[in-house]
């Protein structure tokens, strides 16, 4: 697994993988949070946007 090449057609799946393990002020967003804690992800998105 040397290079991370995005293949056409991955779309949403690729973005979800990219979001996994992102560190934010409120803590770490994990794969589980993407499923069971979307509020945490939304809060992180707002913080990143500065709103």
C-alpha atoms as a PDB file:
ATOM      1  CA  UNK A   1       0.000   0.000   0.000  1.00  0.00           C
ATOM      2  CA  UNK A   2       2.439   2.611  -1.189  1.00  0.00           C
ATOM      3  CA  UNK A   3       0.439   5.282  -2.948  1.00  0.00           C
ATOM      4  CA  UNK A   4      -3.144   6.242  -2.293  1.00  0.00           C
ATOM      5  CA  UNK A   5      -4.692   6.548  -5.706  1.00  0.00           C
ATOM      6  CA  UNK A   6      -8.341   7.486  -5.863  1.00  0.00           C
ATOM      7  CA  UNK A   7     -10.151   5.517  -8.468  1.00  0.00           C
ATOM      8  CA  UNK A   8     -13.040   6.957 -10.432  1.00  0.00           C
ATOM      9  CA  UNK A   9     -16.388   5.812  -9.117  1.00  0.00           C
ATOM     10  CA  UNK A  10     -15.344   5.651  -5.457  1.00  0.00           C
ATOM     11  CA  UNK A  11     -17.162   8.911  -4.742  1.00  0.00           C
ATOM     12  CA  UNK A  12     -18.810   8.931  -1.321  1.00  0.00           C
ATOM     13  CA  UNK A  13     -16.870   5.889  -0.166  1.00  0.00           C
ATOM     14  CA  UNK A  14     -13.583   7.661  -0.766  1.00  0.00           C
ATOM     15  CA  UNK A  15     -14.766  10.706   1.125  1.00  0.00           C
ATOM     16  CA  UNK A  16     -15.920   8.663   4.102  1.00  0.00           C
ATOM     17  CA  UNK A  17     -12.528   6.975   4.267  1.00  0.00           C
ATOM     18  CA  UNK A  18     -10.844  10.363   4.067  1.00  0.00           C
ATOM     19  CA  UNK A  19     -12.893  11.595   7.035  1.00  0.00           C
ATOM     20  CA  UNK A  20     -11.961   8.659   9.249  1.00  0.00           C
ATOM     21  CA  UNK A  21      -9.412   9.456  11.907  1.00  0.00           C
ATOM     22  CA  UNK A  22      -9.522  13.224  11.497  1.00  0.00           C
ATOM     23  CA  UNK A  23      -8.430  14.989  14.674  1.00  0.00           C
ATOM     24  CA  UNK A  24     -10.560  17.951  15.717  1.00  0.00           C
ATOM     25  CA  UNK A  25     -10.800  20.202  18.760  1.00  0.00           C
ATOM     26  CA  UNK A  26     -13.501  18.001  20.291  1.00  0.00           C
ATOM     27  CA  UNK A  27     -11.419  14.852  19.930  1.00  0.00           C
ATOM     28  CA  UNK A  28     -10.931  12.232  17.298  1.00  0.00           C
ATOM     29  CA  UNK A  29     -13.561  11.319  14.743  1.00  0.00           C
ATOM     30  CA  UNK A  30     -13.604   7.603  14.102  1.00  0.00           C
ATOM     31  CA  UNK A  31     -15.434   5.341  11.709  1.00  0.00           C
ATOM     32  CA  UNK A  32     -17.961   4.587  14.448  1.00  0.00           C
ATOM     33  CA  UNK A  33     -18.703   8.287  14.906  1.00  0.00           C
ATOM     34  CA  UNK A  34     -19.563   8.565  11.228  1.00  0.00           C
ATOM     35  CA  UNK A  35     -22.326   6.041  11.805  1.00  0.00           C
ATOM     36  CA  UNK A  36     -23.565   6.526  15.371  1.00  0.00           C
ATOM     37  CA  UNK A  37     -22.547  10.107  16.121  1.00  0.00           C
ATOM     38  CA  UNK A  38     -23.168  12.292  13.065  1.00  0.00           C
ATOM     39  CA  UNK A  39     -23.654  15.329  15.341  1.00  0.00           C
ATOM     40  CA  UNK A  40     -19.986  15.147  16.296  1.00  0.00           C
ATOM     41  CA  UNK A  41     -19.005  15.063  12.644  1.00  0.00           C
ATOM     42  CA  UNK A  42     -21.316  17.975  11.860  1.00  0.00           C
ATOM     43  CA  UNK A  43     -19.857  19.957  14.754  1.00  0.00           C
ATOM     44  CA  UNK A  44     -16.358  19.307  13.463  1.00  0.00           C
ATOM     45  CA  UNK A  45     -17.413  20.396   9.994  1.00  0.00           C
ATOM     46  CA  UNK A  46     -18.810  23.649  11.384  1.00  0.00           C
ATOM     47  CA  UNK A  47     -15.662  24.249  13.429  1.00  0.00           C
ATOM     48  CA  UNK A  48     -13.534  23.689  10.339  1.00  0.00           C
ATOM     49  CA  UNK A  49     -15.699  26.131   8.404  1.00  0.00           C
ATOM     50  CA  UNK A  50     -15.380  28.669  11.216  1.00  0.00           C
ATOM     51  CA  UNK A  51     -19.095  29.037  11.884  1.00  0.00           C
END
